[in-house]
Amino acid sequence: PEEGELRHWLRRDGKSNRSHVYASPKGDAKEAR
């Protein structure tokens, strides 16, 4: 929708300098809102 709140879990990949996004908790991924 055109507005809302996003809640994901992010895990940083230091080698690629990129964050991977998950829809639910996974390992050491941190909540992102």
Full PDB file with SEQRES, HELIX, SHEET, SSBOND, CRYST1, ORIGX, SCALE, CONECT and MASTER records, all heavy atoms in Angstrom:
SEQRES   1 A   33  PRO GLU GLU GLY GLU LEU ARG HIS TRP LEU ARG ARG ASP          
SEQRES   2 A   33  GLY LYS SER ASN ARG SER HIS VAL TYR ALA SER PRO LYS          
SEQRES   3 A   33  GLY ASP ALA LYS GLU ALA ARG                                  
SHEET    1 AA1 3 ARG A  18  TYR A  22  0                                        
SHEET    2 AA1 3 HIS A   8  ASP A  13 -1                                        
SHEET    3 AA1 3 LYS A  30  ALA A  32 -1                                        
CRYST1    1.000    1.000    1.000  90.00  90.00  90.00 P 1           1          
ORIGX1      1.000000  0.000000  0.000000        0.00000                         
ORIGX2      0.000000  1.000000  0.000000        0.00000                         
ORIGX3      0.000000  0.000000  1.000000        0.00000                         
SCALE1      1.000000  0.000000  0.000000        0.00000                         
SCALE2      0.000000  1.000000  0.000000        0.00000                         
SCALE3      0.000000  0.000000  1.000000        0.00000                         
ATOM      1  N   PRO A   1       0.817  -1.216   0.000  1.00  0.00           N  
ATOM      2  CA  PRO A   1       0.000   0.000   0.000  1.00  0.00           C  
ATOM      3  C   PRO A   1       0.848   1.263   0.000  1.00  0.00           C  
ATOM      4  O   PRO A   1       2.064   1.185   0.183  1.00  0.00           O  
ATOM      5  CB  PRO A   1      -0.807  -0.126   1.297  1.00  0.00           C  
ATOM      6  CG  PRO A   1       0.048  -0.967   2.172  1.00  0.00           C  
ATOM      7  CD  PRO A   1       0.722  -1.952   1.280  1.00  0.00           C  
ATOM      8  N   GLU A   2       0.204   2.404  -0.200  1.00  0.00           N  
ATOM      9  CA  GLU A   2       0.941   3.648  -0.349  1.00  0.00           C  
ATOM     10  C   GLU A   2       1.558   4.133   0.954  1.00  0.00           C  
ATOM     11  O   GLU A   2       2.428   5.009   0.932  1.00  0.00           O  
ATOM     12  CB  GLU A   2       0.028   4.739  -0.934  1.00  0.00           C  
ATOM     13  CG  GLU A   2      -0.396   4.444  -2.372  1.00  0.00           C  
ATOM     14  CD  GLU A   2      -1.223   5.558  -2.973  1.00  0.00           C  
ATOM     15  OE1 GLU A   2      -1.378   6.617  -2.316  1.00  0.00           O  
ATOM     16  OE2 GLU A   2      -1.716   5.394  -4.105  1.00  0.00           O  
ATOM     17  N   GLU A   3       1.116   3.617   2.088  1.00  0.00           N  
ATOM     18  CA  GLU A   3       1.754   3.949   3.362  1.00  0.00           C  
ATOM     19  C   GLU A   3       1.634   2.757   4.294  1.00  0.00           C  
ATOM     20  O   GLU A   3       0.768   1.891   4.127  1.00  0.00           O  
ATOM     21  CB  GLU A   3       1.118   5.190   3.994  1.00  0.00           C  
ATOM     22  CG  GLU A   3      -0.364   5.044   4.322  1.00  0.00           C  
ATOM     23  CD  GLU A   3      -0.927   6.318   4.939  1.00  0.00           C  
ATOM     24  OE1 GLU A   3      -0.407   7.402   4.649  1.00  0.00           O  
ATOM     25  OE2 GLU A   3      -1.889   6.210   5.725  1.00  0.00           O  
ATOM     26  N   GLY A   4       2.526   2.699   5.263  1.00  0.00           N  
ATOM     27  CA  GLY A   4       2.471   1.579   6.197  1.00  0.00           C  
ATOM     28  C   GLY A   4       3.748   1.480   7.007  1.00  0.00           C  
ATOM     29  O   GLY A   4       4.600   2.373   6.986  1.00  0.00           O  
ATOM     30  N   GLU A   5       3.884   0.384   7.735  1.00  0.00           N  
ATOM     31  CA  GLU A   5       5.078   0.119   8.534  1.00  0.00           C  
ATOM     32  C   GLU A   5       5.681  -1.205   8.089  1.00  0.00           C  
ATOM     33  O   GLU A   5       4.960  -2.194   7.904  1.00  0.00           O  
ATOM     34  CB  GLU A   5       4.737   0.066  10.023  1.00  0.00           C  
ATOM     35  CG  GLU A   5       5.953  -0.165  10.917  1.00  0.00           C  
ATOM     36  CD  GLU A   5       5.653  -0.019  12.401  1.00  0.00           C  
ATOM     37  OE1 GLU A   5       4.848   0.862  12.765  1.00  0.00           O  
ATOM     38  OE2 GLU A   5       6.247  -0.781  13.200  1.00  0.00           O  
ATOM     39  N   LEU A   6       6.988  -1.215   7.901  1.00  0.00           N  
ATOM     40  CA  LEU A   6       7.702  -2.420   7.495  1.00  0.00           C  
ATOM     41  C   LEU A   6       8.466  -2.997   8.682  1.00  0.00           C  
ATOM     42  O   LEU A   6       9.117  -2.252   9.433  1.00  0.00           O  
ATOM     43  CB  LEU A   6       8.691  -2.121   6.363  1.00  0.00           C  
ATOM     44  CG  LEU A   6       8.109  -1.565   5.058  1.00  0.00           C  
ATOM     45  CD1 LEU A   6       9.225  -1.362   4.031  1.00  0.00           C  
ATOM     46  CD2 LEU A   6       7.026  -2.480   4.505  1.00  0.00           C  
ATOM     47  N   ARG A   7       8.389  -4.301   8.832  1.00  0.00           N  
ATOM     48  CA  ARG A   7       9.131  -4.999   9.878  1.00  0.00           C  
ATOM     49  C   ARG A   7       9.808  -6.214   9.265  1.00  0.00           C  
ATOM     50  O   ARG A   7       9.152  -7.126   8.756  1.00  0.00           O  
ATOM     51  CB  ARG A   7       8.187  -5.429  11.002  1.00  0.00           C  
ATOM     52  CG  ARG A   7       8.892  -6.063  12.196  1.00  0.00           C  
ATOM     53  CD  ARG A   7       7.873  -6.630  13.164  1.00  0.00           C  
ATOM     54  NE  ARG A   7       8.489  -7.097  14.410  1.00  0.00           N  
ATOM     55  CZ  ARG A   7       7.937  -7.999  15.206  1.00  0.00           C  
ATOM     56  NH1 ARG A   7       6.759  -8.544  14.897  1.00  0.00           N  
ATOM     57  NH2 ARG A   7       8.553  -8.367  16.326  1.00  0.00           N  
ATOM     58  N   HIS A   8      11.131  -6.200   9.268  1.00  0.00           N  
ATOM     59  CA  HIS A   8      11.914  -7.310   8.755  1.00  0.00           C  
ATOM     60  C   HIS A   8      13.043  -7.618   9.735  1.00  0.00           C  
ATOM     61  O   HIS A   8      13.196  -6.935  10.752  1.00  0.00           O  
ATOM     62  CB  HIS A   8      12.519  -6.969   7.380  1.00  0.00           C  
ATOM     63  CG  HIS A   8      11.525  -6.730   6.297  1.00  0.00           C  
ATOM     64  ND1 HIS A   8      11.214  -5.465   5.833  1.00  0.00           N  
ATOM     65  CD2 HIS A   8      10.767  -7.584   5.574  1.00  0.00           C  
ATOM     66  CE1 HIS A   8      10.306  -5.553   4.879  1.00  0.00           C  
ATOM     67  NE2 HIS A   8      10.013  -6.828   4.705  1.00  0.00           N  
ATOM     68  N   TRP A   9      13.854  -8.617   9.370  1.00  0.00           N  
ATOM     69  CA  TRP A   9      15.056  -8.933  10.127  1.00  0.00           C  
ATOM     70  C   TRP A   9      16.229  -8.879   9.159  1.00  0.00           C  
ATOM     71  O   TRP A   9      16.181  -9.485   8.082  1.00  0.00           O  
ATOM     72  CB  TRP A   9      14.932 -10.305  10.782  1.00  0.00           C  
ATOM     73  CG  TRP A   9      14.083 -10.244  12.011  1.00  0.00           C  
ATOM     74  CD1 TRP A   9      14.512 -10.167  13.311  1.00  0.00           C  
ATOM     75  CD2 TRP A   9      12.650 -10.219  12.075  1.00  0.00           C  
ATOM     76  NE1 TRP A   9      13.442 -10.097  14.169  1.00  0.00           N  
ATOM     77  CE2 TRP A   9      12.289 -10.131  13.438  1.00  0.00           C  
ATOM     78  CE3 TRP A   9      11.631 -10.264  11.112  1.00  0.00           C  
ATOM     79  CZ2 TRP A   9      10.959 -10.088  13.855  1.00  0.00           C  
ATOM     80  CZ3 TRP A   9      10.307 -10.204  11.522  1.00  0.00           C  
ATOM     81  CH2 TRP A   9       9.978 -10.116  12.879  1.00  0.00           C  
ATOM     82  N   LEU A  10      17.269  -8.124   9.530  1.00  0.00           N  
ATOM     83  CA  LEU A  10      18.398  -7.882   8.641  1.00  0.00           C  
ATOM     84  C   LEU A  10      19.665  -8.532   9.183  1.00  0.00           C  
ATOM     85  O   LEU A  10      19.955  -8.460  10.375  1.00  0.00           O  
ATOM     86  CB  LEU A  10      18.644  -6.376   8.473  1.00  0.00           C  
ATOM     87  CG  LEU A  10      17.923  -5.660   7.328  1.00  0.00           C  
ATOM     88  CD1 LEU A  10      16.408  -5.803   7.447  1.00  0.00           C  
ATOM     89  CD2 LEU A  10      18.317  -4.187   7.287  1.00  0.00           C  
ATOM     90  N   ARG A  11      20.411  -9.136   8.277  1.00  0.00           N  
ATOM     91  CA  ARG A  11      21.724  -9.688   8.618  1.00  0.00           C  
ATOM     92  C   ARG A  11      22.759  -9.063   7.694  1.00  0.00           C  
ATOM     93  O   ARG A  11      22.636  -9.121   6.470  1.00  0.00           O  
ATOM     94  CB  ARG A  11      21.732 -11.204   8.458  1.00  0.00           C  
ATOM     95  CG  ARG A  11      23.125 -11.829   8.685  1.00  0.00           C  
ATOM     96  CD  ARG A  11      23.118 -13.296   8.400  1.00  0.00           C  
ATOM     97  NE  ARG A  11      22.380 -14.030   9.423  1.00  0.00           N  
ATOM     98  CZ  ARG A  11      21.900 -15.258   9.256  1.00  0.00           C  
ATOM     99  NH1 ARG A  11      22.046 -15.867   8.088  1.00  0.00           N  
ATOM    100  NH2 ARG A  11      21.259 -15.864  10.236  1.00  0.00           N  
ATOM    101  N   ARG A  12      23.771  -8.474   8.285  1.00  0.00           N  
ATOM    102  CA  ARG A  12      24.812  -7.803   7.501  1.00  0.00           C  
ATOM    103  C   ARG A  12      25.853  -8.799   7.011  1.00  0.00           C  
ATOM    104  O   ARG A  12      26.340  -9.635   7.774  1.00  0.00           O  
ATOM    105  CB  ARG A  12      25.484  -6.719   8.345  1.00  0.00           C  
ATOM    106  CG  ARG A  12      26.581  -5.957   7.610  1.00  0.00           C  
ATOM    107  CD  ARG A  12      27.117  -4.836   8.469  1.00  0.00           C  
ATOM    108  NE  ARG A  12      28.123  -4.064   7.761  1.00  0.00           N  
ATOM    109  CZ  ARG A  12      28.684  -2.957   8.230  1.00  0.00           C  
ATOM    110  NH1 ARG A  12      28.327  -2.508   9.425  1.00  0.00           N  
ATOM    111  NH2 ARG A  12      29.592  -2.310   7.529  1.00  0.00           N  
ATOM    112  N   ASP A  13      26.184  -8.704   5.723  1.00  0.00           N  
ATOM    113  CA  ASP A  13      27.230  -9.509   5.109  1.00  0.00           C  
ATOM    114  C   ASP A  13      28.435  -8.596   4.908  1.00  0.00           C  
ATOM    115  O   ASP A  13      28.424  -7.737   4.019  1.00  0.00           O  
ATOM    116  CB  ASP A  13      26.745 -10.076   3.774  1.00  0.00           C  
ATOM    117  CG  ASP A  13      27.767 -10.995   3.120  1.00  0.00           C  
ATOM    118  OD1 ASP A  13      28.962 -10.890   3.449  1.00  0.00           O  
ATOM    119  OD2 ASP A  13      27.375 -11.805   2.260  1.00  0.00           O  
ATOM    120  N   GLY A  14      29.447  -8.759   5.746  1.00  0.00           N  
ATOM    121  CA  GLY A  14      30.604  -7.879   5.688  1.00  0.00           C  
ATOM    122  C   GLY A  14      31.388  -8.003   4.394  1.00  0.00           C  
ATOM    123  O   GLY A  14      31.964  -7.025   3.915  1.00  0.00           O  
ATOM    124  N   LYS A  15      31.423  -9.196   3.807  1.00  0.00           N  
ATOM    125  CA  LYS A  15      32.203  -9.397   2.581  1.00  0.00           C  
ATOM    126  C   LYS A  15      31.627  -8.626   1.404  1.00  0.00           C  
ATOM    127  O   LYS A  15      32.353  -8.029   0.611  1.00  0.00           O  
ATOM    128  CB  LYS A  15      32.282 -10.891   2.251  1.00  0.00           C  
ATOM    129  CG  LYS A  15      33.096 -11.705   3.240  1.00  0.00           C  
ATOM    130  CD  LYS A  15      33.189 -13.162   2.810  1.00  0.00           C  
ATOM    131  CE  LYS A  15      34.037 -13.963   3.796  1.00  0.00           C  
ATOM    132  NZ  LYS A  15      34.130 -15.391   3.405  1.00  0.00           N  
ATOM    133  N   SER A  16      30.314  -8.633   1.280  1.00  0.00           N  
ATOM    134  CA  SER A  16      29.672  -7.941   0.163  1.00  0.00           C  
ATOM    135  C   SER A  16      29.186  -6.545   0.541  1.00  0.00           C  
ATOM    136  O   SER A  16      28.701  -5.807  -0.301  1.00  0.00           O  
ATOM    137  CB  SER A  16      28.480  -8.763  -0.348  1.00  0.00           C  
ATOM    138  OG  SER A  16      27.473  -8.871   0.654  1.00  0.00           O  
ATOM    139  N   ASN A  17      29.333  -6.193   1.828  1.00  0.00           N  
ATOM    140  CA  ASN A  17      28.813  -4.919   2.351  1.00  0.00           C  
ATOM    141  C   ASN A  17      27.352  -4.750   1.955  1.00  0.00           C  
ATOM    142  O   ASN A  17      26.936  -3.737   1.402  1.00  0.00           O  
ATOM    143  CB  ASN A  17      29.630  -3.730   1.837  1.00  0.00           C  
ATOM    144  CG  ASN A  17      29.272  -2.445   2.566  1.00  0.00           C  
ATOM    145  OD1 ASN A  17      28.892  -2.453   3.740  1.00  0.00           O  
ATOM    146  ND2 ASN A  17      29.363  -1.326   1.863  1.00  0.00           N  
ATOM    147  N   ARG A  18      26.581  -5.767   2.299  1.00  0.00           N  
ATOM    148  CA  ARG A  18      25.166  -5.800   1.928  1.00  0.00           C  
ATOM    149  C   ARG A  18      24.375  -6.403   3.084  1.00  0.00           C  
ATOM    150  O   ARG A  18      24.888  -7.207   3.839  1.00  0.00           O  
ATOM    151  CB  ARG A  18      24.977  -6.641   0.662  1.00  0.00           C  
ATOM    152  CG  ARG A  18      23.629  -6.549   0.013  1.00  0.00           C  
ATOM    153  CD  ARG A  18      23.611  -7.374  -1.282  1.00  0.00           C  
ATOM    154  NE  ARG A  18      22.388  -7.188  -2.043  1.00  0.00           N  
ATOM    155  CZ  ARG A  18      21.236  -7.789  -1.780  1.00  0.00           C  
ATOM    156  NH1 ARG A  18      21.157  -8.654  -0.773  1.00  0.00           N  
ATOM    157  NH2 ARG A  18      20.176  -7.564  -2.519  1.00  0.00           N  
ATOM    158  N   SER A  19      23.119  -5.987   3.226  1.00  0.00           N  
ATOM    159  CA  SER A  19      22.250  -6.568   4.248  1.00  0.00           C  
ATOM    160  C   SER A  19      21.230  -7.491   3.604  1.00  0.00           C  
ATOM    161  O   SER A  19      20.583  -7.120   2.613  1.00  0.00           O  
ATOM    162  CB  SER A  19      21.521  -5.471   5.034  1.00  0.00           C  
ATOM    163  OG  SER A  19      22.388  -4.842   5.945  1.00  0.00           O  
ATOM    164  N   HIS A  20      21.092  -8.696   4.150  1.00  0.00           N  
ATOM    165  CA  HIS A  20      20.100  -9.649   3.670  1.00  0.00           C  
ATOM    166  C   HIS A  20      18.841  -9.503   4.525  1.00  0.00           C  
ATOM    167  O   HIS A  20      18.915  -9.342   5.744  1.00  0.00           O  
ATOM    168  CB  HIS A  20      20.640 -11.070   3.741  1.00  0.00           C  
ATOM    169  CG  HIS A  20      21.851 -11.290   2.888  1.00  0.00           C  
ATOM    170  ND1 HIS A  20      21.780 -11.437   1.518  1.00  0.00           N  
ATOM    171  CD2 HIS A  20      23.170 -11.333   3.208  1.00  0.00           C  
ATOM    172  CE1 HIS A  20      22.989 -11.601   1.024  1.00  0.00           C  
ATOM    173  NE2 HIS A  20      23.860 -11.538   2.030  1.00  0.00           N  
ATOM    174  N   VAL A  21      17.694  -9.580   3.879  1.00  0.00           N  
ATOM    175  CA  VAL A  21      16.420  -9.273   4.534  1.00  0.00           C  
ATOM    176  C   VAL A  21      15.592 -10.539   4.673  1.00  0.00           C  
ATOM    177  O   VAL A  21      15.442 -11.305   3.712  1.00  0.00           O  
ATOM    178  CB  VAL A  21      15.633  -8.220   3.720  1.00  0.00           C  
ATOM    179  CG1 VAL A  21      14.399  -7.769   4.495  1.00  0.00           C  
ATOM    180  CG2 VAL A  21      16.512  -7.036   3.372  1.00  0.00           C  
ATOM    181  N   TYR A  22      15.027 -10.728   5.858  1.00  0.00           N  
ATOM    182  CA  TYR A  22      14.178 -11.893   6.115  1.00  0.00           C  
ATOM    183  C   TYR A  22      12.836 -11.423   6.664  1.00  0.00           C  
ATOM    184  O   TYR A  22      12.746 -10.423   7.382  1.00  0.00           O  
ATOM    185  CB  TYR A  22      14.848 -12.830   7.120  1.00  0.00           C  
ATOM    186  CG  TYR A  22      16.229 -13.258   6.701  1.00  0.00           C  
ATOM    187  CD1 TYR A  22      17.356 -12.619   7.222  1.00  0.00           C  
ATOM    188  CD2 TYR A  22      16.413 -14.273   5.781  1.00  0.00           C  
ATOM    189  CE1 TYR A  22      18.635 -12.993   6.837  1.00  0.00           C  
ATOM    190  CE2 TYR A  22      17.696 -14.662   5.388  1.00  0.00           C  
ATOM    191  CZ  TYR A  22      18.796 -14.018   5.912  1.00  0.00           C  
ATOM    192  OH  TYR A  22      20.056 -14.385   5.520  1.00  0.00           O  
ATOM    193  N   ALA A  23      11.788 -12.166   6.328  1.00  0.00           N  
ATOM    194  CA  ALA A  23      10.435 -11.802   6.761  1.00  0.00           C  
ATOM    195  C   ALA A  23      10.153 -12.214   8.191  1.00  0.00           C  
ATOM    196  O   ALA A  23       9.196 -11.738   8.802  1.00  0.00           O  
ATOM    197  CB  ALA A  23       9.408 -12.425   5.824  1.00  0.00           C  
ATOM    198  N   SER A  24      10.992 -13.092   8.751  1.00  0.00           N  
ATOM    199  CA  SER A  24      10.793 -13.563  10.130  1.00  0.00           C  
ATOM    200  C   SER A  24      12.162 -13.728  10.784  1.00  0.00           C  
ATOM    201  O   SER A  24      13.187 -13.744  10.087  1.00  0.00           O  
ATOM    202  CB  SER A  24      10.030 -14.897  10.127  1.00  0.00           C  
ATOM    203  OG  SER A  24      10.726 -15.868   9.376  1.00  0.00           O  
ATOM    204  N   PRO A  25      12.213 -13.837  12.115  1.00  0.00           N  
ATOM    205  CA  PRO A  25      13.507 -13.957  12.799  1.00  0.00           C  
ATOM    206  C   PRO A  25      14.328 -15.121  12.261  1.00  0.00           C  
ATOM    207  O   PRO A  25      13.800 -16.198  11.976  1.00  0.00           O  
ATOM    208  CB  PRO A  25      13.099 -14.195  14.260  1.00  0.00           C  
ATOM    209  CG  PRO A  25      11.752 -13.562  14.382  1.00  0.00           C  
ATOM    210  CD  PRO A  25      11.081 -13.801  13.061  1.00  0.00           C  
ATOM    211  N   LYS A  26      15.635 -14.856  12.108  1.00  0.00           N  
ATOM    212  CA  LYS A  26      16.525 -15.890  11.582  1.00  0.00           C  
ATOM    213  C   LYS A  26      17.922 -15.692  12.145  1.00  0.00           C  
ATOM    214  O   LYS A  26      18.557 -14.661  11.868  1.00  0.00           O  
ATOM    215  CB  LYS A  26      16.567 -15.852  10.058  1.00  0.00           C  
ATOM    216  CG  LYS A  26      17.411 -16.957   9.445  1.00  0.00           C  
ATOM    217  CD  LYS A  26      17.255 -17.013   7.940  1.00  0.00           C  
ATOM    218  CE  LYS A  26      18.061 -18.156   7.356  1.00  0.00           C  
ATOM    219  NZ  LYS A  26      17.877 -18.272   5.887  1.00  0.00           N  
ATOM    220  N   GLY A  27      18.381 -16.647  12.939  1.00  0.00           N  
ATOM    221  CA  GLY A  27      19.732 -16.601  13.481  1.00  0.00           C  
ATOM    222  C   GLY A  27      20.021 -15.302  14.202  1.00  0.00           C  
ATOM    223  O   GLY A  27      19.264 -14.866  15.081  1.00  0.00           O  
ATOM    224  N   ASP A  28      21.135 -14.662  13.795  1.00  0.00           N  
ATOM    225  CA  ASP A  28      21.541 -13.418  14.452  1.00  0.00           C  
ATOM    226  C   ASP A  28      21.037 -12.174  13.724  1.00  0.00           C  
ATOM    227  O   ASP A  28      21.509 -11.064  13.991  1.00  0.00           O  
ATOM    228  CB  ASP A  28      23.065 -13.365  14.571  1.00  0.00           C  
ATOM    229  CG  ASP A  28      23.754 -13.429  13.208  1.00  0.00           C  
ATOM    230  OD1 ASP A  28      23.054 -13.639  12.186  1.00  0.00           O  
ATOM    231  OD2 ASP A  28      24.988 -13.281  13.163  1.00  0.00           O  
ATOM    232  N   ALA A  29      20.078 -12.343  12.811  1.00  0.00           N  
ATOM    233  CA  ALA A  29      19.514 -11.183  12.117  1.00  0.00           C  
ATOM    234  C   ALA A  29      18.812 -10.266  13.113  1.00  0.00           C  
ATOM    235  O   ALA A  29      18.193 -10.722  14.073  1.00  0.00           O  
ATOM    236  CB  ALA A  29      18.533 -11.644  11.039  1.00  0.00           C  
ATOM    237  N   LYS A  30      18.937  -8.949  12.896  1.00  0.00           N  
ATOM    238  CA  LYS A  30      18.378  -7.961  13.813  1.00  0.00           C  
ATOM    239  C   LYS A  30      17.080  -7.376  13.273  1.00  0.00           C  
ATOM    240  O   LYS A  30      16.939  -7.152  12.071  1.00  0.00           O  
ATOM    241  CB  LYS A  30      19.397  -6.836  14.042  1.00  0.00           C  
ATOM    242  CG  LYS A  30      20.668  -7.319  14.717  1.00  0.00           C  
ATOM    243  CD  LYS A  30      21.649  -6.178  14.911  1.00  0.00           C  
ATOM    244  CE  LYS A  30      22.917  -6.652  15.614  1.00  0.00           C  
ATOM    245  NZ  LYS A  30      23.902  -5.545  15.794  1.00  0.00           N  
ATOM    246  N   GLU A  31      16.144  -7.124  14.178  1.00  0.00           N  
ATOM    247  CA  GLU A  31      14.866  -6.555  13.773  1.00  0.00           C  
ATOM    248  C   GLU A  31      15.063  -5.158  13.197  1.00  0.00           C  
ATOM    249  O   GLU A  31      15.839  -4.355  13.725  1.00  0.00           O  
ATOM    250  CB  GLU A  31      13.915  -6.481  14.967  1.00  0.00           C  
ATOM    251  CG  GLU A  31      12.525  -5.978  14.588  1.00  0.00           C  
ATOM    252  CD  GLU A  31      11.616  -5.791  15.791  1.00  0.00           C  
ATOM    253  OE1 GLU A  31      12.135  -5.453  16.869  1.00  0.00           O  
ATOM    254  OE2 GLU A  31      10.402  -5.977  15.643  1.00  0.00           O  
ATOM    255  N   ALA A  32      14.347  -4.870  12.100  1.00  0.00           N  
ATOM    256  CA  ALA A  32      14.410  -3.569  11.446  1.00  0.00           C  
ATOM    257  C   ALA A  32      12.992  -3.086  11.184  1.00  0.00           C  
ATOM    258  O   ALA A  32      12.191  -3.802  10.580  1.00  0.00           O  
ATOM    259  CB  ALA A  32      15.190  -3.664  10.135  1.00  0.00           C  
ATOM    260  N   ARG A  33      12.686  -1.857  11.647  1.00  0.00           N  
ATOM    261  CA  ARG A  33      11.345  -1.305  11.461  1.00  0.00           C  
ATOM    262  C   ARG A  33      11.428   0.123  10.936  1.00  0.00           C  
ATOM    263  O   ARG A  33      12.304   0.883  11.316  1.00  0.00           O  
ATOM    264  CB  ARG A  33      10.565  -1.313  12.784  1.00  0.00           C  
ATOM    265  CG  ARG A  33      10.254  -2.703  13.321  1.00  0.00           C  
ATOM    266  CD  ARG A  33       9.383  -2.646  14.584  1.00  0.00           C  
ATOM    267  NE  ARG A  33      10.072  -1.924  15.653  1.00  0.00           N  
ATOM    268  CZ  ARG A  33       9.643  -0.794  16.199  1.00  0.00           C  
ATOM    269  NH1 ARG A  33       8.520  -0.229  15.775  1.00  0.00           N  
ATOM    270  NH2 ARG A  33      10.315  -0.231  17.183  1.00  0.00           N  
TER     271      ARG A  33                                                      
MASTER        0    0    0    0    3    0    0    6  270    1    0    3          
END                                                                             
